[in-house]
Amino acid sequence: MDTVEKLRVLSEDSQYDLACACGTGKDEHRRRGTDGKWLYPVALPQGGYTVLLKTLLSNACANDCKYCPLRSETNVRRCTLQTEEVARVFME
């Protein structure tokens, strides 16, 4: 699996990680973009907001937590991004 495909799989699986999903202000909650992908707004130190790319580095897990859609016993495509791959894609 190439780096771009790994990024696609792991970005899609990041929907299950609810960090940054909730906020206290009306502009702080995650929302879906026009392409159906989740957008995660982040407050900037000087005020205002920006949107971050949210992805997992890996969806390979040895645990079998029954509540988790990515638990070890589910049939999902498993992959891991190496730090060099993330850096290369970001720089490109």
PDB file of N, CA and C in Angstrom:
ATOM      1  N   MET A   1       0.854  -1.161   0.000  1.00  0.00           N
ATOM      2  CA  MET A   1       0.000   0.000   0.000  1.00  0.00           C
ATOM      3  C   MET A   1       0.907   1.234   0.000  1.00  0.00           C
ATOM      4  N   ASP A   2       0.648   2.167  -0.904  1.00  0.00           N
ATOM      5  CA  ASP A   2       1.484   3.367  -0.965  1.00  0.00           C
ATOM      6  C   ASP A   2       1.078   4.372   0.115  1.00  0.00           C
ATOM      7  N   THR A   3       1.883   5.390   0.297  1.00  0.00           N
ATOM      8  CA  THR A   3       1.687   6.364   1.364  1.00  0.00           C
ATOM      9  C   THR A   3       0.360   7.094   1.242  1.00  0.00           C
ATOM     10  N   VAL A   4      -0.027   7.477   0.047  1.00  0.00           N
ATOM     11  CA  VAL A   4      -1.280   8.212  -0.143  1.00  0.00           C
ATOM     12  C   VAL A   4      -2.470   7.335   0.217  1.00  0.00           C
ATOM     13  N   GLU A   5      -2.427   6.067  -0.136  1.00  0.00           N
ATOM     14  CA  GLU A   5      -3.511   5.151   0.212  1.00  0.00           C
ATOM     15  C   GLU A   5      -3.565   4.933   1.728  1.00  0.00           C
ATOM     16  N   LYS A   6      -2.413   4.812   2.365  1.00  0.00           N
ATOM     17  CA  LYS A   6      -2.379   4.691   3.826  1.00  0.00           C
ATOM     18  C   LYS A   6      -3.010   5.925   4.470  1.00  0.00           C
ATOM     19  N   LEU A   7      -2.655   7.093   3.959  1.00  0.00           N
ATOM     20  CA  LEU A   7      -3.201   8.333   4.494  1.00  0.00           C
ATOM     21  C   LEU A   7      -4.712   8.379   4.322  1.00  0.00           C
ATOM     22  N   ARG A   8      -5.213   7.906   3.183  1.00  0.00           N
ATOM     23  CA  ARG A   8      -6.653   7.873   2.958  1.00  0.00           C
ATOM     24  C   ARG A   8      -7.344   6.963   3.973  1.00  0.00           C
ATOM     25  N   VAL A   9      -6.811   5.764   4.160  1.00  0.00           N
ATOM     26  CA  VAL A   9      -7.396   4.800   5.099  1.00  0.00           C
ATOM     27  C   VAL A   9      -7.357   5.340   6.527  1.00  0.00           C
ATOM     28  N   LEU A  10      -6.210   5.857   6.939  1.00  0.00           N
ATOM     29  CA  LEU A  10      -6.060   6.323   8.317  1.00  0.00           C
ATOM     30  C   LEU A  10      -6.828   7.618   8.585  1.00  0.00           C
ATOM     31  N   SER A  11      -6.955   8.475   7.592  1.00  0.00           N
ATOM     32  CA  SER A  11      -7.763   9.684   7.763  1.00  0.00           C
ATOM     33  C   SER A  11      -9.231   9.318   7.915  1.00  0.00           C
ATOM     34  N   GLU A  12      -9.682   8.352   7.136  1.00  0.00           N
ATOM     35  CA  GLU A  12     -11.065   7.887   7.246  1.00  0.00           C
ATOM     36  C   GLU A  12     -11.310   7.252   8.619  1.00  0.00           C
ATOM     37  N   ASP A  13     -10.380   6.451   9.093  1.00  0.00           N
ATOM     38  CA  ASP A  13     -10.531   5.798  10.394  1.00  0.00           C
ATOM     39  C   ASP A  13     -10.432   6.784  11.553  1.00  0.00           C
ATOM     40  N   SER A  14      -9.866   7.955  11.339  1.00  0.00           N
ATOM     41  CA  SER A  14      -9.737   8.927  12.422  1.00  0.00           C
ATOM     42  C   SER A  14     -11.097   9.474  12.860  1.00  0.00           C
ATOM     43  N   GLN A  15     -12.155   9.208  12.087  1.00  0.00           N
ATOM     44  CA  GLN A  15     -13.488   9.661  12.488  1.00  0.00           C
ATOM     45  C   GLN A  15     -13.917   9.052  13.819  1.00  0.00           C
ATOM     46  N   TYR A  16     -13.333   7.925  14.183  1.00  0.00           N
ATOM     47  CA  TYR A  16     -13.694   7.260  15.428  1.00  0.00           C
ATOM     48  C   TYR A  16     -12.975   7.837  16.634  1.00  0.00           C
ATOM     49  N   ASP A  17     -11.942   8.630  16.413  1.00  0.00           N
ATOM     50  CA  ASP A  17     -11.235   9.315  17.489  1.00  0.00           C
ATOM     51  C   ASP A  17     -11.955  10.633  17.719  1.00  0.00           C
ATOM     52  N   LEU A  18     -12.628  10.773  18.829  1.00  0.00           N
ATOM     53  CA  LEU A  18     -13.476  11.934  19.051  1.00  0.00           C
ATOM     54  C   LEU A  18     -12.760  13.116  19.690  1.00  0.00           C
ATOM     55  N   ALA A  19     -11.438  13.059  19.801  1.00  0.00           N
ATOM     56  CA  ALA A  19     -10.701  14.229  20.271  1.00  0.00           C
ATOM     57  C   ALA A  19     -10.958  15.356  19.281  1.00  0.00           C
ATOM     58  N   CYS A  20     -11.204  16.533  19.755  1.00  0.00           N
ATOM     59  CA  CYS A  20     -11.524  17.721  18.940  1.00  0.00           C
ATOM     60  C   CYS A  20     -12.911  17.637  18.321  1.00  0.00           C
ATOM     61  N   ALA A  21     -13.714  16.656  18.702  1.00  0.00           N
ATOM     62  CA  ALA A  21     -15.049  16.528  18.130  1.00  0.00           C
ATOM     63  C   ALA A  21     -16.030  17.462  18.820  1.00  0.00           C
ATOM     64  N   CYS A  22     -15.730  17.815  20.043  1.00  0.00           N
ATOM     65  CA  CYS A  22     -16.643  18.637  20.835  1.00  0.00           C
ATOM     66  C   CYS A  22     -15.947  19.924  21.226  1.00  0.00           C
ATOM     67  N   GLY A  23     -16.721  20.934  21.439  1.00  0.00           N
ATOM     68  CA  GLY A  23     -16.171  22.201  21.874  1.00  0.00           C
ATOM     69  C   GLY A  23     -17.199  22.951  22.679  1.00  0.00           C
ATOM     70  N   THR A  24     -16.817  24.093  23.191  1.00  0.00           N
ATOM     71  CA  THR A  24     -17.752  24.866  23.993  1.00  0.00           C
ATOM     72  C   THR A  24     -18.423  25.971  23.181  1.00  0.00           C
ATOM     73  N   GLY A  25     -17.777  26.444  22.124  1.00  0.00           N
ATOM     74  CA  GLY A  25     -18.352  27.495  21.292  1.00  0.00           C
ATOM     75  C   GLY A  25     -18.987  26.929  20.031  1.00  0.00           C
ATOM     76  N   LYS A  26     -19.816  27.724  19.367  1.00  0.00           N
ATOM     77  CA  LYS A  26     -20.517  27.225  18.178  1.00  0.00           C
ATOM     78  C   LYS A  26     -19.575  26.901  17.022  1.00  0.00           C
ATOM     79  N   ASP A  27     -18.412  27.531  16.963  1.00  0.00           N
ATOM     80  CA  ASP A  27     -17.455  27.282  15.885  1.00  0.00           C
ATOM     81  C   ASP A  27     -16.384  26.263  16.250  1.00  0.00           C
ATOM     82  N   GLU A  28     -16.507  25.621  17.417  1.00  0.00           N
ATOM     83  CA  GLU A  28     -15.479  24.700  17.880  1.00  0.00           C
ATOM     84  C   GLU A  28     -15.828  23.239  17.655  1.00  0.00           C
ATOM     85  N   HIS A  29     -17.009  22.933  17.154  1.00  0.00           N
ATOM     86  CA  HIS A  29     -17.419  21.552  16.951  1.00  0.00           C
ATOM     87  C   HIS A  29     -16.983  21.054  15.581  1.00  0.00           C
ATOM     88  N   ARG A  30     -16.680  19.776  15.487  1.00  0.00           N
ATOM     89  CA  ARG A  30     -16.363  19.226  14.173  1.00  0.00           C
ATOM     90  C   ARG A  30     -17.616  19.279  13.307  1.00  0.00           C
ATOM     91  N   ARG A  31     -17.406  19.342  12.006  1.00  0.00           N
ATOM     92  CA  ARG A  31     -18.531  19.365  11.060  1.00  0.00           C
ATOM     93  C   ARG A  31     -18.076  18.716   9.763  1.00  0.00           C
ATOM     94  N   ARG A  32     -19.024  18.343   8.949  1.00  0.00           N
ATOM     95  CA  ARG A  32     -18.681  17.709   7.675  1.00  0.00           C
ATOM     96  C   ARG A  32     -18.488  18.770   6.600  1.00  0.00           C
ATOM     97  N   GLY A  33     -17.460  18.557   5.782  1.00  0.00           N
ATOM     98  CA  GLY A  33     -17.205  19.428   4.648  1.00  0.00           C
ATOM     99  C   GLY A  33     -18.093  19.028   3.477  1.00  0.00           C
ATOM    100  N   THR A  34     -17.979  19.718   2.376  1.00  0.00           N
ATOM    101  CA  THR A  34     -18.802  19.430   1.198  1.00  0.00           C
ATOM    102  C   THR A  34     -18.516  18.061   0.608  1.00  0.00           C
ATOM    103  N   ASP A  35     -17.319  17.515   0.883  1.00  0.00           N
ATOM    104  CA  ASP A  35     -16.969  16.187   0.371  1.00  0.00           C
ATOM    105  C   ASP A  35     -17.328  15.076   1.359  1.00  0.00           C
ATOM    106  N   GLY A  36     -17.984  15.423   2.469  1.00  0.00           N
ATOM    107  CA  GLY A  36     -18.383  14.433   3.461  1.00  0.00           C
ATOM    108  C   GLY A  36     -17.326  14.141   4.508  1.00  0.00           C
ATOM    109  N   LYS A  37     -16.137  14.708   4.379  1.00  0.00           N
ATOM    110  CA  LYS A  37     -15.057  14.482   5.348  1.00  0.00           C
ATOM    111  C   LYS A  37     -15.273  15.382   6.559  1.00  0.00           C
ATOM    112  N   TRP A  38     -14.796  14.915   7.711  1.00  0.00           N
ATOM    113  CA  TRP A  38     -14.909  15.712   8.923  1.00  0.00           C
ATOM    114  C   TRP A  38     -13.859  16.817   8.933  1.00  0.00           C
ATOM    115  N   LEU A  39     -14.280  18.009   9.326  1.00  0.00           N
ATOM    116  CA  LEU A  39     -13.394  19.162   9.492  1.00  0.00           C
ATOM    117  C   LEU A  39     -13.261  19.440  10.982  1.00  0.00           C
ATOM    118  N   TYR A  40     -12.028  19.656  11.430  1.00  0.00           N
ATOM    119  CA  TYR A  40     -11.760  19.886  12.842  1.00  0.00           C
ATOM    120  C   TYR A  40     -11.209  21.293  13.043  1.00  0.00           C
ATOM    121  N   PRO A  41     -12.054  22.216  13.505  1.00  0.00           N
ATOM    122  CA  PRO A  41     -11.581  23.580  13.739  1.00  0.00           C
ATOM    123  C   PRO A  41     -10.711  23.651  14.988  1.00  0.00           C
ATOM    124  N   VAL A  42      -9.695  24.506  14.919  1.00  0.00           N
ATOM    125  CA  VAL A  42      -8.773  24.694  16.040  1.00  0.00           C
ATOM    126  C   VAL A  42      -8.624  26.187  16.264  1.00  0.00           C
ATOM    127  N   ALA A  43      -8.738  26.609  17.523  1.00  0.00           N
ATOM    128  CA  ALA A  43      -8.558  28.021  17.871  1.00  0.00           C
ATOM    129  C   ALA A  43      -7.082  28.381  17.781  1.00  0.00           C
ATOM    130  N   LEU A  44      -6.798  29.520  17.173  1.00  0.00           N
ATOM    131  CA  LEU A  44      -5.420  30.003  17.049  1.00  0.00           C
ATOM    132  C   LEU A  44      -5.073  30.893  18.244  1.00  0.00           C
ATOM    133  N   PRO A  45      -3.805  30.957  18.639  1.00  0.00           N
ATOM    134  CA  PRO A  45      -3.414  31.759  19.809  1.00  0.00           C
ATOM    135  C   PRO A  45      -3.780  33.239  19.667  1.00  0.00           C
ATOM    136  N   GLN A  46      -3.680  33.779  18.461  1.00  0.00           N
ATOM    137  CA  GLN A  46      -3.973  35.198  18.256  1.00  0.00           C
ATOM    138  C   GLN A  46      -5.451  35.457  17.969  1.00  0.00           C
ATOM    139  N   GLY A  47      -6.266  34.415  18.079  1.00  0.00           N
ATOM    140  CA  GLY A  47      -7.700  34.532  17.808  1.00  0.00           C
ATOM    141  C   GLY A  47      -8.017  33.957  16.442  1.00  0.00           C
ATOM    142  N   GLY A  48      -9.259  33.653  16.222  1.00  0.00           N
ATOM    143  CA  GLY A  48      -9.671  33.058  14.966  1.00  0.00           C
ATOM    144  C   GLY A  48      -9.502  31.542  14.981  1.00  0.00           C
ATOM    145  N   TYR A  49      -9.820  30.929  13.850  1.00  0.00           N
ATOM    146  CA  TYR A  49      -9.788  29.478  13.735  1.00  0.00           C
ATOM    147  C   TYR A  49      -9.127  29.045  12.440  1.00  0.00           C
ATOM    148  N   THR A  50      -8.642  27.831  12.423  1.00  0.00           N
ATOM    149  CA  THR A  50      -8.182  27.178  11.213  1.00  0.00           C
ATOM    150  C   THR A  50      -8.671  25.739  11.267  1.00  0.00           C
ATOM    151  N   VAL A  51      -8.514  25.015  10.188  1.00  0.00           N
ATOM    152  CA  VAL A  51      -8.957  23.624  10.122  1.00  0.00           C
ATOM    153  C   VAL A  51      -7.732  22.729   9.976  1.00  0.00           C
ATOM    154  N   LEU A  52      -7.697  21.644  10.717  1.00  0.00           N
ATOM    155  CA  LEU A  52      -6.568  20.721  10.694  1.00  0.00           C
ATOM    156  C   LEU A  52      -6.889  19.445   9.937  1.00  0.00           C
ATOM    157  N   LEU A  53      -5.855  18.873   9.325  1.00  0.00           N
ATOM    158  CA  LEU A  53      -5.935  17.524   8.800  1.00  0.00           C
ATOM    159  C   LEU A  53      -5.830  16.596  10.002  1.00  0.00           C
ATOM    160  N   LYS A  54      -6.772  15.712  10.134  1.00  0.00           N
ATOM    161  CA  LYS A  54      -6.721  14.766  11.239  1.00  0.00           C
ATOM    162  C   LYS A  54      -6.564  13.376  10.668  1.00  0.00           C
ATOM    163  N   THR A  55      -5.548  12.682  11.132  1.00  0.00           N
ATOM    164  CA  THR A  55      -5.312  11.323  10.693  1.00  0.00           C
ATOM    165  C   THR A  55      -4.717  10.529  11.845  1.00  0.00           C
ATOM    166  N   LEU A  56      -4.824   9.236  11.756  1.00  0.00           N
ATOM    167  CA  LEU A  56      -4.146   8.347  12.690  1.00  0.00           C
ATOM    168  C   LEU A  56      -2.775   8.025  12.115  1.00  0.00           C
ATOM    169  N   LEU A  57      -1.836   7.654  12.955  1.00  0.00           N
ATOM    170  CA  LEU A  57      -0.562   7.153  12.458  1.00  0.00           C
ATOM    171  C   LEU A  57      -0.629   5.662  12.221  1.00  0.00           C
ATOM    172  N   SER A  58      -1.571   4.996  12.909  1.00  0.00           N
ATOM    173  CA  SER A  58      -1.741   3.559  12.737  1.00  0.00           C
ATOM    174  C   SER A  58      -3.143   3.154  13.172  1.00  0.00           C
ATOM    175  N   ASN A  59      -3.690   2.148  12.534  1.00  0.00           N
ATOM    176  CA  ASN A  59      -4.951   1.569  12.995  1.00  0.00           C
ATOM    177  C   ASN A  59      -4.733   0.108  13.386  1.00  0.00           C
ATOM    178  N   ALA A  60      -3.473  -0.287  13.519  1.00  0.00           N
ATOM    179  CA  ALA A  60      -3.130  -1.638  13.963  1.00  0.00           C
ATOM    180  C   ALA A  60      -3.167  -1.654  15.482  1.00  0.00           C
ATOM    181  N   CYS A  61      -4.040  -2.480  16.034  1.00  0.00           N
ATOM    182  CA  CYS A  61      -4.198  -2.530  17.480  1.00  0.00           C
ATOM    183  C   CYS A  61      -4.251  -3.983  17.937  1.00  0.00           C
ATOM    184  N   ALA A  62      -3.607  -4.260  19.044  1.00  0.00           N
ATOM    185  CA  ALA A  62      -3.596  -5.620  19.600  1.00  0.00           C
ATOM    186  C   ALA A  62      -4.758  -5.839  20.561  1.00  0.00           C
ATOM    187  N   ASN A  63      -5.442  -4.766  20.961  1.00  0.00           N
ATOM    188  CA  ASN A  63      -6.541  -4.879  21.921  1.00  0.00           C
ATOM    189  C   ASN A  63      -7.851  -5.228  21.220  1.00  0.00           C
ATOM    190  N   ASP A  64      -8.761  -5.832  21.960  1.00  0.00           N
ATOM    191  CA  ASP A  64     -10.058  -6.211  21.410  1.00  0.00           C
ATOM    192  C   ASP A  64     -11.193  -5.593  22.233  1.00  0.00           C
ATOM    193  N   CYS A  65     -11.140  -4.283  22.398  1.00  0.00           N
ATOM    194  CA  CYS A  65     -12.174  -3.571  23.153  1.00  0.00           C
ATOM    195  C   CYS A  65     -13.477  -3.648  22.358  1.00  0.00           C
ATOM    196  N   LYS A  66     -14.500  -4.204  22.936  1.00  0.00           N
ATOM    197  CA  LYS A  66     -15.744  -4.499  22.210  1.00  0.00           C
ATOM    198  C   LYS A  66     -16.435  -3.246  21.659  1.00  0.00           C
ATOM    199  N   TYR A  67     -16.227  -2.091  22.254  1.00  0.00           N
ATOM    200  CA  TYR A  67     -16.865  -0.865  21.801  1.00  0.00           C
ATOM    201  C   TYR A  67     -16.139  -0.213  20.619  1.00  0.00           C
ATOM    202  N   CYS A  68     -14.928  -0.645  20.317  1.00  0.00           N
ATOM    203  CA  CYS A  68     -14.089   0.052  19.335  1.00  0.00           C
ATOM    204  C   CYS A  68     -14.249  -0.516  17.924  1.00  0.00           C
ATOM    205  N   PRO A  69     -14.541   0.327  16.944  1.00  0.00           N
ATOM    206  CA  PRO A  69     -14.667  -0.141  15.560  1.00  0.00           C
ATOM    207  C   PRO A  69     -13.339  -0.578  14.949  1.00  0.00           C
ATOM    208  N   LEU A  70     -12.221  -0.232  15.580  1.00  0.00           N
ATOM    209  CA  LEU A  70     -10.912  -0.613  15.054  1.00  0.00           C
ATOM    210  C   LEU A  70     -10.249  -1.708  15.894  1.00  0.00           C
ATOM    211  N   ARG A  71     -11.021  -2.371  16.749  1.00  0.00           N
ATOM    212  CA  ARG A  71     -10.453  -3.421  17.612  1.00  0.00           C
ATOM    213  C   ARG A  71      -9.803  -4.513  16.777  1.00  0.00           C
ATOM    214  N   SER A  72      -8.952  -5.276  17.405  1.00  0.00           N
ATOM    215  CA  SER A  72      -8.135  -6.266  16.690  1.00  0.00           C
ATOM    216  C   SER A  72      -8.957  -7.314  15.946  1.00  0.00           C
ATOM    217  N   GLU A  73     -10.145  -7.623  16.410  1.00  0.00           N
ATOM    218  CA  GLU A  73     -10.948  -8.679  15.787  1.00  0.00           C
ATOM    219  C   GLU A  73     -11.844  -8.193  14.640  1.00  0.00           C
ATOM    220  N   THR A  74     -11.827  -6.900  14.326  1.00  0.00           N
ATOM    221  CA  THR A  74     -12.644  -6.416  13.206  1.00  0.00           C
ATOM    222  C   THR A  74     -11.882  -6.567  11.898  1.00  0.00           C
ATOM    223  N   ASN A  75     -12.632  -6.654  10.840  1.00  0.00           N
ATOM    224  CA  ASN A  75     -12.050  -6.831   9.509  1.00  0.00           C
ATOM    225  C   ASN A  75     -11.911  -5.463   8.828  1.00  0.00           C
ATOM    226  N   VAL A  76     -10.821  -4.764   9.125  1.00  0.00           N
ATOM    227  CA  VAL A  76     -10.537  -3.475   8.495  1.00  0.00           C
ATOM    228  C   VAL A  76      -9.148  -3.528   7.883  1.00  0.00           C
ATOM    229  N   ARG A  77      -8.896  -2.665   6.921  1.00  0.00           N
ATOM    230  CA  ARG A  77      -7.554  -2.582   6.333  1.00  0.00           C
ATOM    231  C   ARG A  77      -6.617  -1.972   7.356  1.00  0.00           C
ATOM    232  N   ARG A  78      -5.561  -2.681   7.686  1.00  0.00           N
ATOM    233  CA  ARG A  78      -4.599  -2.221   8.689  1.00  0.00           C
ATOM    234  C   ARG A  78      -3.383  -1.625   8.008  1.00  0.00           C
ATOM    235  N   CYS A  79      -2.923  -0.514   8.541  1.00  0.00           N
ATOM    236  CA  CYS A  79      -1.694   0.080   8.029  1.00  0.00           C
ATOM    237  C   CYS A  79      -1.110   1.022   9.073  1.00  0.00           C
ATOM    238  N   THR A  80       0.129   1.376   8.869  1.00  0.00           N
ATOM    239  CA  THR A  80       0.853   2.284   9.753  1.00  0.00           C
ATOM    240  C   THR A  80       1.663   3.240   8.897  1.00  0.00           C
ATOM    241  N   LEU A  81       1.592   4.519   9.233  1.00  0.00           N
ATOM    242  CA  LEU A  81       2.418   5.527   8.572  1.00  0.00           C
ATOM    243  C   LEU A  81       3.700   5.712   9.374  1.00  0.00           C
ATOM    244  N   GLN A  82       4.822   5.664   8.709  1.00  0.00           N
ATOM    245  CA  GLN A  82       6.102   5.960   9.343  1.00  0.00           C
ATOM    246  C   GLN A  82       6.267   7.483   9.395  1.00  0.00           C
ATOM    247  N   THR A  83       7.016   7.969  10.355  1.00  0.00           N
ATOM    248  CA  THR A  83       7.195   9.417  10.487  1.00  0.00           C
ATOM    249  C   THR A  83       7.784  10.033   9.222  1.00  0.00           C
ATOM    250  N   GLU A  84       8.663   9.297   8.534  1.00  0.00           N
ATOM    251  CA  GLU A  84       9.259   9.807   7.297  1.00  0.00           C
ATOM    252  C   GLU A  84       8.194   9.969   6.205  1.00  0.00           C
ATOM    253  N   GLU A  85       7.233   9.066   6.166  1.00  0.00           N
ATOM    254  CA  GLU A  85       6.159   9.160   5.175  1.00  0.00           C
ATOM    255  C   GLU A  85       5.303  10.394   5.423  1.00  0.00           C
ATOM    256  N   VAL A  86       4.957  10.636   6.676  1.00  0.00           N
ATOM    257  CA  VAL A  86       4.140  11.805   7.020  1.00  0.00           C
ATOM    258  C   VAL A  86       4.885  13.082   6.656  1.00  0.00           C
ATOM    259  N   ALA A  87       6.157  13.158   7.004  1.00  0.00           N
ATOM    260  CA  ALA A  87       6.967  14.346   6.693  1.00  0.00           C
ATOM    261  C   ALA A  87       7.062  14.569   5.184  1.00  0.00           C
ATOM    262  N   ARG A  88       7.277  13.500   4.430  1.00  0.00           N
ATOM    263  CA  ARG A  88       7.410  13.631   2.975  1.00  0.00           C
ATOM    264  C   ARG A  88       6.113  14.137   2.340  1.00  0.00           C
ATOM    265  N   VAL A  89       4.978  13.552   2.741  1.00  0.00           N
ATOM    266  CA  VAL A  89       3.691  13.980   2.185  1.00  0.00           C
ATOM    267  C   VAL A  89       3.418  15.437   2.543  1.00  0.00           C
ATOM    268  N   PHE A  90       3.711  15.812   3.781  1.00  0.00           N
ATOM    269  CA  PHE A  90       3.489  17.193   4.211  1.00  0.00           C
ATOM    270  C   PHE A  90       4.349  18.154   3.393  1.00  0.00           C
ATOM    271  N   MET A  91       5.612  17.825   3.184  1.00  0.00           N
ATOM    272  CA  MET A  91       6.521  18.706   2.459  1.00  0.00           C
ATOM    273  C   MET A  91       6.160  18.799   0.977  1.00  0.00           C
ATOM    274  N   GLU A  92       5.613  17.735   0.415  1.00  0.00           N
ATOM    275  CA  GLU A  92       5.194  17.770  -0.990  1.00  0.00           C
ATOM    276  C   GLU A  92       3.966  18.628  -1.155  1.00  0.00           C
TER     277      GLU A  92
END
